[in-house]
Protein backbone atom coordinates (compact mmCIF):
# COMPACT_ATOMS: atom_id res chain seq x y z
CA MET A 1 -16.27 -189.70 83.02
CA LYS A 2 -18.00 -186.56 81.76
CA ASN A 3 -16.50 -183.10 81.47
CA VAL A 4 -15.94 -181.15 84.68
CA SER A 5 -14.73 -177.65 85.42
CA CYS A 6 -11.14 -176.92 86.37
CA SER A 7 -12.15 -175.48 89.74
CA PHE A 8 -13.84 -178.70 90.79
CA LYS A 9 -11.86 -181.24 88.77
CA ARG A 10 -9.77 -182.20 91.75
CA HIS A 11 -12.89 -182.83 93.85
CA LEU A 12 -14.60 -184.99 91.26
CA ILE A 13 -11.47 -186.97 90.58
CA ALA A 14 -11.06 -187.29 94.32
CA GLY A 15 -14.64 -188.49 94.37
CA LEU A 16 -13.41 -191.55 92.52
CA VAL A 17 -11.22 -192.27 95.49
CA ILE A 18 -12.49 -194.17 98.47
CA VAL A 19 -9.19 -195.02 100.12
CA LEU A 20 -6.68 -193.21 97.88
CA ALA A 21 -3.87 -191.24 99.51
CA THR A 22 -4.62 -187.60 100.31
CA SER A 23 -2.10 -186.37 97.78
CA ILE A 24 -4.65 -187.01 95.02
CA LEU A 25 -7.06 -184.61 96.73
CA THR A 26 -4.77 -181.76 95.66
CA LEU A 27 -4.04 -182.90 92.15
CA THR A 28 -4.54 -179.78 90.10
CA GLY A 29 -4.56 -176.05 90.13
CA CYS A 30 -7.06 -173.98 88.20
CA SER A 31 -5.23 -172.31 85.32
CA ASP A 32 -6.47 -172.62 81.75
CA ARG A 33 -3.16 -174.26 80.86
CA GLU A 34 -3.63 -177.01 83.41
CA ALA A 35 -7.21 -177.60 82.28
CA ASN A 36 -5.75 -179.04 79.05
CA GLU A 37 -3.05 -181.12 80.71
CA VAL A 38 -3.11 -184.87 80.81
CA LEU A 39 -3.12 -186.25 84.35
CA LEU A 40 -1.74 -189.75 84.90
CA ILE A 41 -2.28 -191.56 88.20
CA SER A 42 -0.19 -194.70 88.52
CA ASN A 43 0.56 -197.35 91.14
CA ILE A 44 -3.07 -197.87 92.12
CA GLU A 45 -5.42 -200.78 92.67
CA GLY A 46 -8.24 -199.57 90.45
CA TYR A 47 -11.64 -201.22 90.00
CA SER A 48 -14.47 -200.32 87.65
CA PHE A 49 -17.10 -201.84 85.35
CA ASP A 50 -17.08 -202.11 81.58
CA ASN A 51 -20.04 -201.59 79.25
CA GLN A 52 -21.10 -205.18 79.86
CA ARG A 53 -21.15 -204.44 83.61
CA GLU A 54 -18.24 -206.77 84.17
CA LEU A 55 -15.74 -205.87 86.88
CA PHE A 56 -12.20 -205.13 85.73
CA GLN A 57 -9.01 -203.95 87.38
CA PHE A 58 -6.39 -201.38 86.35
CA ASN A 59 -3.17 -199.90 87.70
CA VAL A 60 -3.07 -196.62 85.76
CA LEU A 61 -5.73 -193.96 85.20
CA VAL A 62 -5.35 -191.22 82.56
CA VAL A 63 -7.51 -188.09 82.74
CA LYS A 64 -7.86 -184.98 80.54
CA ASP A 65 -10.36 -182.14 80.91
CA GLY A 66 -12.10 -184.10 83.64
CA LYS A 67 -12.65 -187.13 81.39
CA VAL A 68 -11.08 -190.52 81.82
CA LEU A 69 -9.11 -191.20 78.64
CA GLU A 70 -7.79 -194.63 79.45
CA THR A 71 -7.23 -197.20 82.15
CA GLY A 72 -4.64 -199.93 81.95
CA THR A 73 -1.48 -201.51 83.26
CA LYS A 74 1.79 -199.82 84.15
CA ASP A 75 2.85 -200.03 80.47
CA LEU A 76 0.36 -197.22 79.80
CA VAL A 77 2.75 -194.78 81.49
CA ASN A 78 5.03 -194.82 78.46
CA LYS A 79 2.21 -193.64 76.19
CA TYR A 80 1.97 -190.28 78.00
CA PRO A 81 5.55 -189.08 78.61
CA ASN A 82 4.47 -185.45 79.13
CA ALA A 83 1.57 -186.11 81.47
CA LYS A 84 1.39 -184.69 84.96
CA ARG A 85 2.00 -187.71 87.17
CA VAL A 86 0.76 -188.70 90.60
CA ASP A 87 1.88 -191.78 92.49
CA GLY A 88 -1.17 -193.48 93.99
CA ALA A 89 1.03 -195.26 96.56
CA GLY A 90 -0.72 -198.57 95.94
CA GLU A 91 -4.03 -197.35 97.31
CA THR A 92 -7.50 -198.37 96.09
CA LEU A 93 -9.41 -196.39 93.46
CA LEU A 94 -13.14 -196.87 92.87
CA PRO A 95 -15.67 -195.11 90.59
CA GLY A 96 -17.57 -192.16 92.02
CA ILE A 97 -20.93 -193.15 93.48
CA ILE A 98 -24.17 -191.94 91.85
CA ASP A 99 -27.11 -191.40 94.20
CA ALA A 100 -30.22 -192.14 92.13
CA HIS A 101 -32.64 -190.42 94.53
CA GLY A 102 -31.54 -187.63 96.82
CA HIS A 103 -32.51 -184.18 98.09
CA VAL A 104 -29.43 -181.99 97.87
CA SER A 105 -30.61 -178.79 99.52
CA SER A 106 -32.55 -180.73 102.15
CA LEU A 107 -29.34 -182.51 103.09
CA GLY A 108 -27.62 -179.15 103.41
CA TYR A 109 -30.38 -177.77 105.62
CA ALA A 110 -30.39 -180.94 107.71
CA LEU A 111 -26.70 -180.47 108.47
CA SER A 112 -27.57 -177.17 110.17
CA ARG A 113 -30.74 -178.36 111.92
CA VAL A 114 -31.51 -180.87 114.64
CA ASP A 115 -31.02 -184.42 113.41
CA LEU A 116 -33.45 -186.95 114.90
CA ARG A 117 -32.47 -189.98 112.86
CA GLY A 118 -32.03 -193.03 115.03
CA SER A 119 -33.88 -191.61 118.03
CA ALA A 120 -34.95 -194.66 120.01
CA SER A 121 -38.02 -193.10 121.65
CA VAL A 122 -40.18 -190.00 121.60
CA GLU A 123 -38.54 -188.94 124.87
CA GLU A 124 -35.07 -189.19 123.34
CA ALA A 125 -36.18 -187.23 120.28
CA ALA A 126 -37.74 -184.47 122.38
CA HIS A 127 -34.66 -184.30 124.60
CA THR A 128 -32.41 -183.98 121.55
CA VAL A 129 -34.56 -181.09 120.32
CA ALA A 130 -34.35 -179.42 123.73
CA LEU A 131 -30.55 -179.61 123.79
CA PHE A 132 -30.37 -178.25 120.24
CA ALA A 133 -32.69 -175.35 121.10
CA ALA A 134 -30.78 -174.51 124.29
CA SER A 135 -27.53 -174.25 122.36
CA ARG A 136 -29.05 -171.91 119.77
CA PRO A 137 -31.01 -169.20 121.62
CA GLN A 138 -30.82 -166.95 118.56
CA LEU A 139 -33.15 -169.17 116.50
CA ASN A 140 -36.77 -168.02 116.32
CA TRP A 141 -37.88 -171.42 114.98
CA ILE A 142 -36.45 -174.78 115.92
CA ARG A 143 -36.44 -177.01 112.87
CA GLY A 144 -35.25 -180.52 112.19
CA ARG A 145 -35.92 -183.84 110.55
CA GLY A 146 -35.48 -187.56 110.94
CA TRP A 147 -37.92 -188.82 113.60
CA ASN A 148 -39.44 -192.22 112.93
CA GLN A 149 -42.03 -193.56 115.34
CA VAL A 150 -41.65 -197.04 113.84
CA LEU A 151 -38.37 -197.30 115.76
CA TRP A 152 -39.98 -196.38 119.08
CA PRO A 153 -41.27 -198.96 121.58
CA ASN A 154 -44.94 -197.99 121.31
CA LYS A 155 -44.72 -197.10 117.59
CA GLN A 156 -47.21 -194.27 118.20
CA LEU A 157 -47.06 -190.90 116.47
CA PRO A 158 -45.63 -188.15 118.72
CA THR A 159 -47.66 -185.24 120.06
CA ALA A 160 -47.20 -181.54 120.65
CA ALA A 161 -47.30 -182.26 124.38
CA ASP A 162 -44.14 -184.37 124.04
CA LEU A 163 -42.32 -181.27 122.81
CA ASP A 164 -44.12 -178.78 125.07
CA ALA A 165 -42.63 -180.50 128.11
CA HIS A 166 -39.17 -179.44 126.91
CA ILE A 167 -39.70 -176.29 124.85
CA ALA A 168 -42.91 -174.30 124.90
CA ASN A 169 -41.81 -170.69 124.32
CA ARG A 170 -40.49 -171.13 120.76
CA PRO A 171 -42.19 -172.84 117.81
CA VAL A 172 -40.83 -176.25 116.82
CA TRP A 173 -41.34 -177.95 113.46
CA LEU A 174 -39.79 -181.35 112.78
CA GLU A 175 -40.23 -183.33 109.57
CA ARG A 176 -40.49 -187.10 109.65
CA ILE A 177 -37.61 -189.06 108.14
CA ASP A 178 -39.49 -189.51 104.85
CA GLY A 179 -40.59 -185.86 104.61
CA HIS A 180 -44.25 -186.87 104.45
CA ALA A 181 -45.23 -185.75 107.95
CA GLY A 182 -44.37 -182.98 110.37
CA TRP A 183 -44.38 -182.76 114.17
CA ALA A 184 -45.15 -179.41 115.78
CA ASN A 185 -45.31 -178.16 119.34
CA SER A 186 -48.28 -176.16 120.61
CA LYS A 187 -46.56 -172.84 119.94
CA ALA A 188 -46.15 -173.70 116.26
CA LEU A 189 -49.77 -174.90 116.00
CA GLN A 190 -50.95 -171.68 117.60
CA LEU A 191 -48.93 -169.48 115.21
CA ALA A 192 -50.28 -171.47 112.25
CA GLY A 193 -53.85 -171.07 113.51
CA ILE A 194 -54.40 -174.82 113.57
CA ASP A 195 -57.10 -175.85 116.03
CA ARG A 196 -60.09 -178.20 116.27
CA ASN A 197 -61.95 -176.10 113.68
CA THR A 198 -59.21 -176.29 111.04
CA THR A 199 -60.13 -178.47 108.07
CA SER A 200 -57.60 -180.90 106.67
CA PRO A 201 -56.67 -179.92 103.09
CA ALA A 202 -57.16 -182.29 100.19
CA GLY A 203 -54.36 -184.83 100.14
CA GLY A 204 -53.44 -184.11 103.76
CA GLU A 205 -54.50 -184.94 107.29
CA ILE A 206 -54.36 -183.17 110.62
CA ILE A 207 -53.99 -185.96 113.16
CA ARG A 208 -56.49 -185.44 116.00
CA ASP A 209 -57.11 -186.89 119.44
CA ALA A 210 -60.37 -188.43 120.65
CA GLU A 211 -61.81 -184.95 121.31
CA GLY A 212 -60.97 -183.72 117.82
CA ASN A 213 -58.04 -181.52 118.84
CA PRO A 214 -54.89 -181.47 116.70
CA THR A 215 -52.22 -183.68 118.26
CA GLY A 216 -49.31 -181.88 116.61
CA VAL A 217 -48.71 -184.16 113.62
CA LEU A 218 -49.57 -183.02 110.10
CA ILE A 219 -49.52 -185.51 107.22
CA ASP A 220 -48.54 -184.70 103.60
CA ASN A 221 -50.52 -181.72 102.21
CA ALA A 222 -51.51 -180.67 105.73
CA MET A 223 -47.86 -179.72 106.17
CA THR A 224 -48.49 -176.76 103.87
CA LEU A 225 -50.46 -175.16 106.70
CA MET A 226 -47.12 -174.51 108.36
CA ALA A 227 -45.42 -173.21 105.21
CA PRO A 228 -46.50 -169.53 105.42
CA LEU A 229 -44.76 -169.21 108.78
CA ILE A 230 -41.46 -170.67 107.65
CA SER A 231 -39.48 -168.29 105.48
CA GLN A 232 -38.62 -169.61 102.03
CA PRO A 233 -34.87 -169.96 101.48
CA ASP A 234 -33.24 -167.18 99.48
CA GLU A 235 -30.36 -167.60 97.04
CA ASN A 236 -27.75 -167.29 99.76
CA SER A 237 -29.45 -169.89 101.97
CA ILE A 238 -29.75 -172.34 99.09
CA THR A 239 -26.12 -171.80 98.10
CA VAL A 240 -24.93 -172.36 101.67
CA ALA A 241 -27.03 -175.53 101.91
CA LEU A 242 -25.73 -176.72 98.53
CA ASN A 243 -22.11 -176.26 99.56
CA ALA A 244 -22.66 -178.06 102.86
CA ALA A 245 -24.42 -180.95 101.13
CA CYS A 246 -21.81 -181.28 98.40
CA LYS A 247 -18.99 -181.29 100.94
CA ARG A 248 -20.65 -184.18 102.74
CA LEU A 249 -21.41 -186.05 99.50
CA LEU A 250 -17.87 -185.75 98.20
CA SER A 251 -16.48 -186.94 101.54
CA LEU A 252 -18.41 -190.17 100.95
CA GLY A 253 -17.28 -190.57 97.34
CA ILE A 254 -20.65 -189.48 95.91
CA THR A 255 -20.00 -187.39 92.81
CA SER A 256 -23.43 -187.32 91.17
CA VAL A 257 -26.97 -186.99 92.53
CA HIS A 258 -30.47 -187.17 91.09
CA ASP A 259 -32.19 -184.36 93.00
CA ALA A 260 -35.80 -185.52 93.39
CA GLY A 261 -38.05 -182.48 93.74
CA THR A 262 -35.89 -179.54 92.62
CA SER A 263 -37.59 -176.18 93.19
CA ALA A 264 -37.47 -173.34 90.65
CA SER A 265 -35.08 -171.40 92.89
CA GLU A 266 -32.76 -174.38 93.23
CA HIS A 267 -33.01 -175.03 89.48
CA ASP A 268 -31.90 -171.47 88.69
CA ILE A 269 -28.96 -171.64 91.09
CA TYR A 270 -27.83 -175.08 89.95
CA ALA A 271 -28.02 -173.97 86.32
CA LYS A 272 -26.05 -170.79 87.00
CA LEU A 273 -23.30 -172.65 88.85
CA GLY A 274 -23.25 -175.33 86.16
CA ASP A 275 -22.82 -172.71 83.43
CA MET A 276 -19.87 -171.27 85.34
CA GLY A 277 -18.38 -174.72 85.91
CA GLU A 278 -18.64 -174.25 89.66
CA LEU A 279 -21.09 -176.91 90.76
CA PRO A 280 -19.25 -179.19 93.23
CA VAL A 281 -21.10 -182.38 92.22
CA ARG A 282 -23.08 -183.33 89.15
CA ILE A 283 -26.80 -182.87 89.68
CA TYR A 284 -29.63 -184.31 87.60
CA GLY A 285 -32.66 -182.20 88.49
CA MET A 286 -36.16 -183.60 88.77
CA ILE A 287 -38.33 -180.47 88.89
CA SER A 288 -41.00 -180.55 91.58
CA SER A 289 -44.48 -180.90 90.08
CA THR A 290 -45.86 -178.63 92.81
CA ASP A 291 -43.59 -175.70 92.00
CA PRO A 292 -45.55 -172.67 90.70
CA LYS A 293 -42.97 -172.16 87.94
CA LEU A 294 -43.13 -175.73 86.66
CA ARG A 295 -44.81 -174.80 83.36
CA GLU A 296 -42.29 -172.05 82.71
CA ILE A 297 -39.36 -174.41 83.30
CA VAL A 298 -40.77 -177.29 81.26
CA THR A 299 -41.79 -175.18 78.27
CA SER A 300 -38.34 -173.59 78.13
CA GLY A 301 -36.84 -177.00 77.31
CA HIS A 302 -34.37 -179.23 79.09
CA THR A 303 -31.35 -177.72 80.79
CA ALA A 304 -27.71 -178.68 80.26
CA ASP A 305 -24.35 -176.92 80.49
CA GLN A 306 -21.04 -177.29 78.67
CA TYR A 307 -19.42 -178.95 81.67
CA ASP A 308 -22.13 -181.63 82.08
CA LEU A 309 -22.52 -180.58 85.70
CA TYR A 310 -26.24 -179.84 85.80
CA SER A 311 -29.07 -181.16 83.69
CA ALA A 312 -32.82 -181.03 84.18
CA ARG A 313 -35.13 -183.06 81.97
CA SER A 314 -37.60 -184.76 84.28
CA VAL A 315 -40.40 -183.91 86.72
CA LYS A 316 -41.10 -185.46 90.08
CA VAL A 317 -44.83 -186.04 90.57
CA TYR A 318 -46.17 -186.64 94.08
CA MET A 319 -48.92 -189.25 93.89
CA ASP A 320 -49.34 -190.30 97.51
CA GLY A 321 -47.58 -190.27 100.86
CA ALA A 322 -45.40 -192.76 102.72
CA LEU A 323 -46.17 -195.98 104.55
CA GLY A 324 -44.65 -194.95 107.88
CA SER A 325 -46.91 -191.93 108.23
CA HIS A 326 -49.98 -193.78 106.85
CA GLY A 327 -50.04 -191.53 103.81
CA ALA A 328 -49.34 -194.11 101.10
CA ALA A 329 -52.55 -194.80 99.16
CA MET A 330 -53.63 -198.41 99.68
CA LEU A 331 -56.32 -200.62 98.16
CA SER A 332 -57.27 -201.84 101.64
CA PRO A 333 -57.21 -200.04 105.02
CA TYR A 334 -54.08 -200.04 107.16
CA SER A 335 -54.00 -202.89 109.66
CA ASP A 336 -53.33 -200.43 112.49
CA ARG A 337 -55.71 -197.72 111.22
CA PRO A 338 -59.08 -199.22 110.24
CA ASN A 339 -61.08 -197.23 107.68
CA HIS A 340 -57.95 -195.37 106.55
CA ASN A 341 -56.58 -196.07 103.07
CA GLY A 342 -53.94 -193.34 102.86
CA LEU A 343 -53.89 -190.12 100.85
CA LEU A 344 -53.80 -189.21 97.16
CA LEU A 345 -51.76 -186.04 96.77
CA THR A 346 -52.46 -185.61 93.05
CA ASN A 347 -55.89 -186.41 91.64
CA SER A 348 -56.34 -188.09 88.26
CA GLU A 349 -57.29 -184.87 86.46
CA ASP A 350 -54.19 -183.02 87.65
CA LEU A 351 -52.04 -186.05 86.85
CA ARG A 352 -53.28 -186.09 83.25
CA ALA A 353 -52.47 -182.39 82.95
CA LEU A 354 -48.97 -182.94 84.31
CA LEU A 355 -48.32 -185.83 81.93
CA LYS A 356 -49.52 -183.78 78.99
CA LEU A 357 -47.32 -180.84 79.99
CA THR A 358 -44.18 -182.92 80.36
CA THR A 359 -44.61 -185.18 77.35
CA THR A 360 -45.61 -182.52 74.79
CA ASN A 361 -42.59 -180.31 75.43
CA ASP A 362 -38.91 -180.84 74.63
CA PHE A 363 -37.93 -181.43 78.24
């Protein structure tokens, strides 16, 4: 286990625990003296994997400075007579889970926005949005994520009219579950100036009806047409979202995340918290290739802190969209959309430039 800060050592150790007694959640304080103490957790049913990926069991776990020193049987207790001891009460201890592809801030925002995951129909989704909006009259924009028309009986993309029937006086913007499409009501389309004369941007599509009018769904790069109206999160908003996301992740035993598509603002905040040893979970940042500050970040070299809490040494490139929203680039047309092969979000020239940027710098 890598180094962790004193202030979050108890959380990351607790992240190892799936069923361990709650006493382990309050293992340590935060003094400099305690940061150097050896912590010994005994009377546990521990499971982990060795370097050959073979499962092994242990009954005692020894930790110092956030690193696992040893695992073994109860005889290991005698080796550390001065260690701070915790009785695991025979509970089960498992390694912390690493999420290899996540979106940390997005999770945090989602926890404070309407959640449409699992909606069984467009009517149910719209009704959920209406209830959310009614309970939050102070919100100028109603935002959310998680709809998936593939789960609905007719499997058809939703329309602005579906939302207008429930909420027409405030703009609504709802991202699809994969983040590659957005669903707007008429008020949002109006504020964005999107009408039958609006041209779909390269790498994006404004879904239209038979008369050429926007239906309310924007695919991939067309979603950027809504961006100027939605305020960009400031440092406080990102920090609040980060804390909310990390609390949820730790509650599930997830102690490390690869953040796919980290913005420059998020990168700066993660790095600052990592330097202070105050990042709740370990984050491996994949810098978004569309961020205006990408070159600045990449040319400054890879990021790492003394606590091994945040590192950034990769770039997420967006090549095409997703299957569910018909944005994934295909060699042949979609079976349910003849003459449509998907969308390329990054052309070959820009891709070559991105590859050159990332491979010729120490990142």
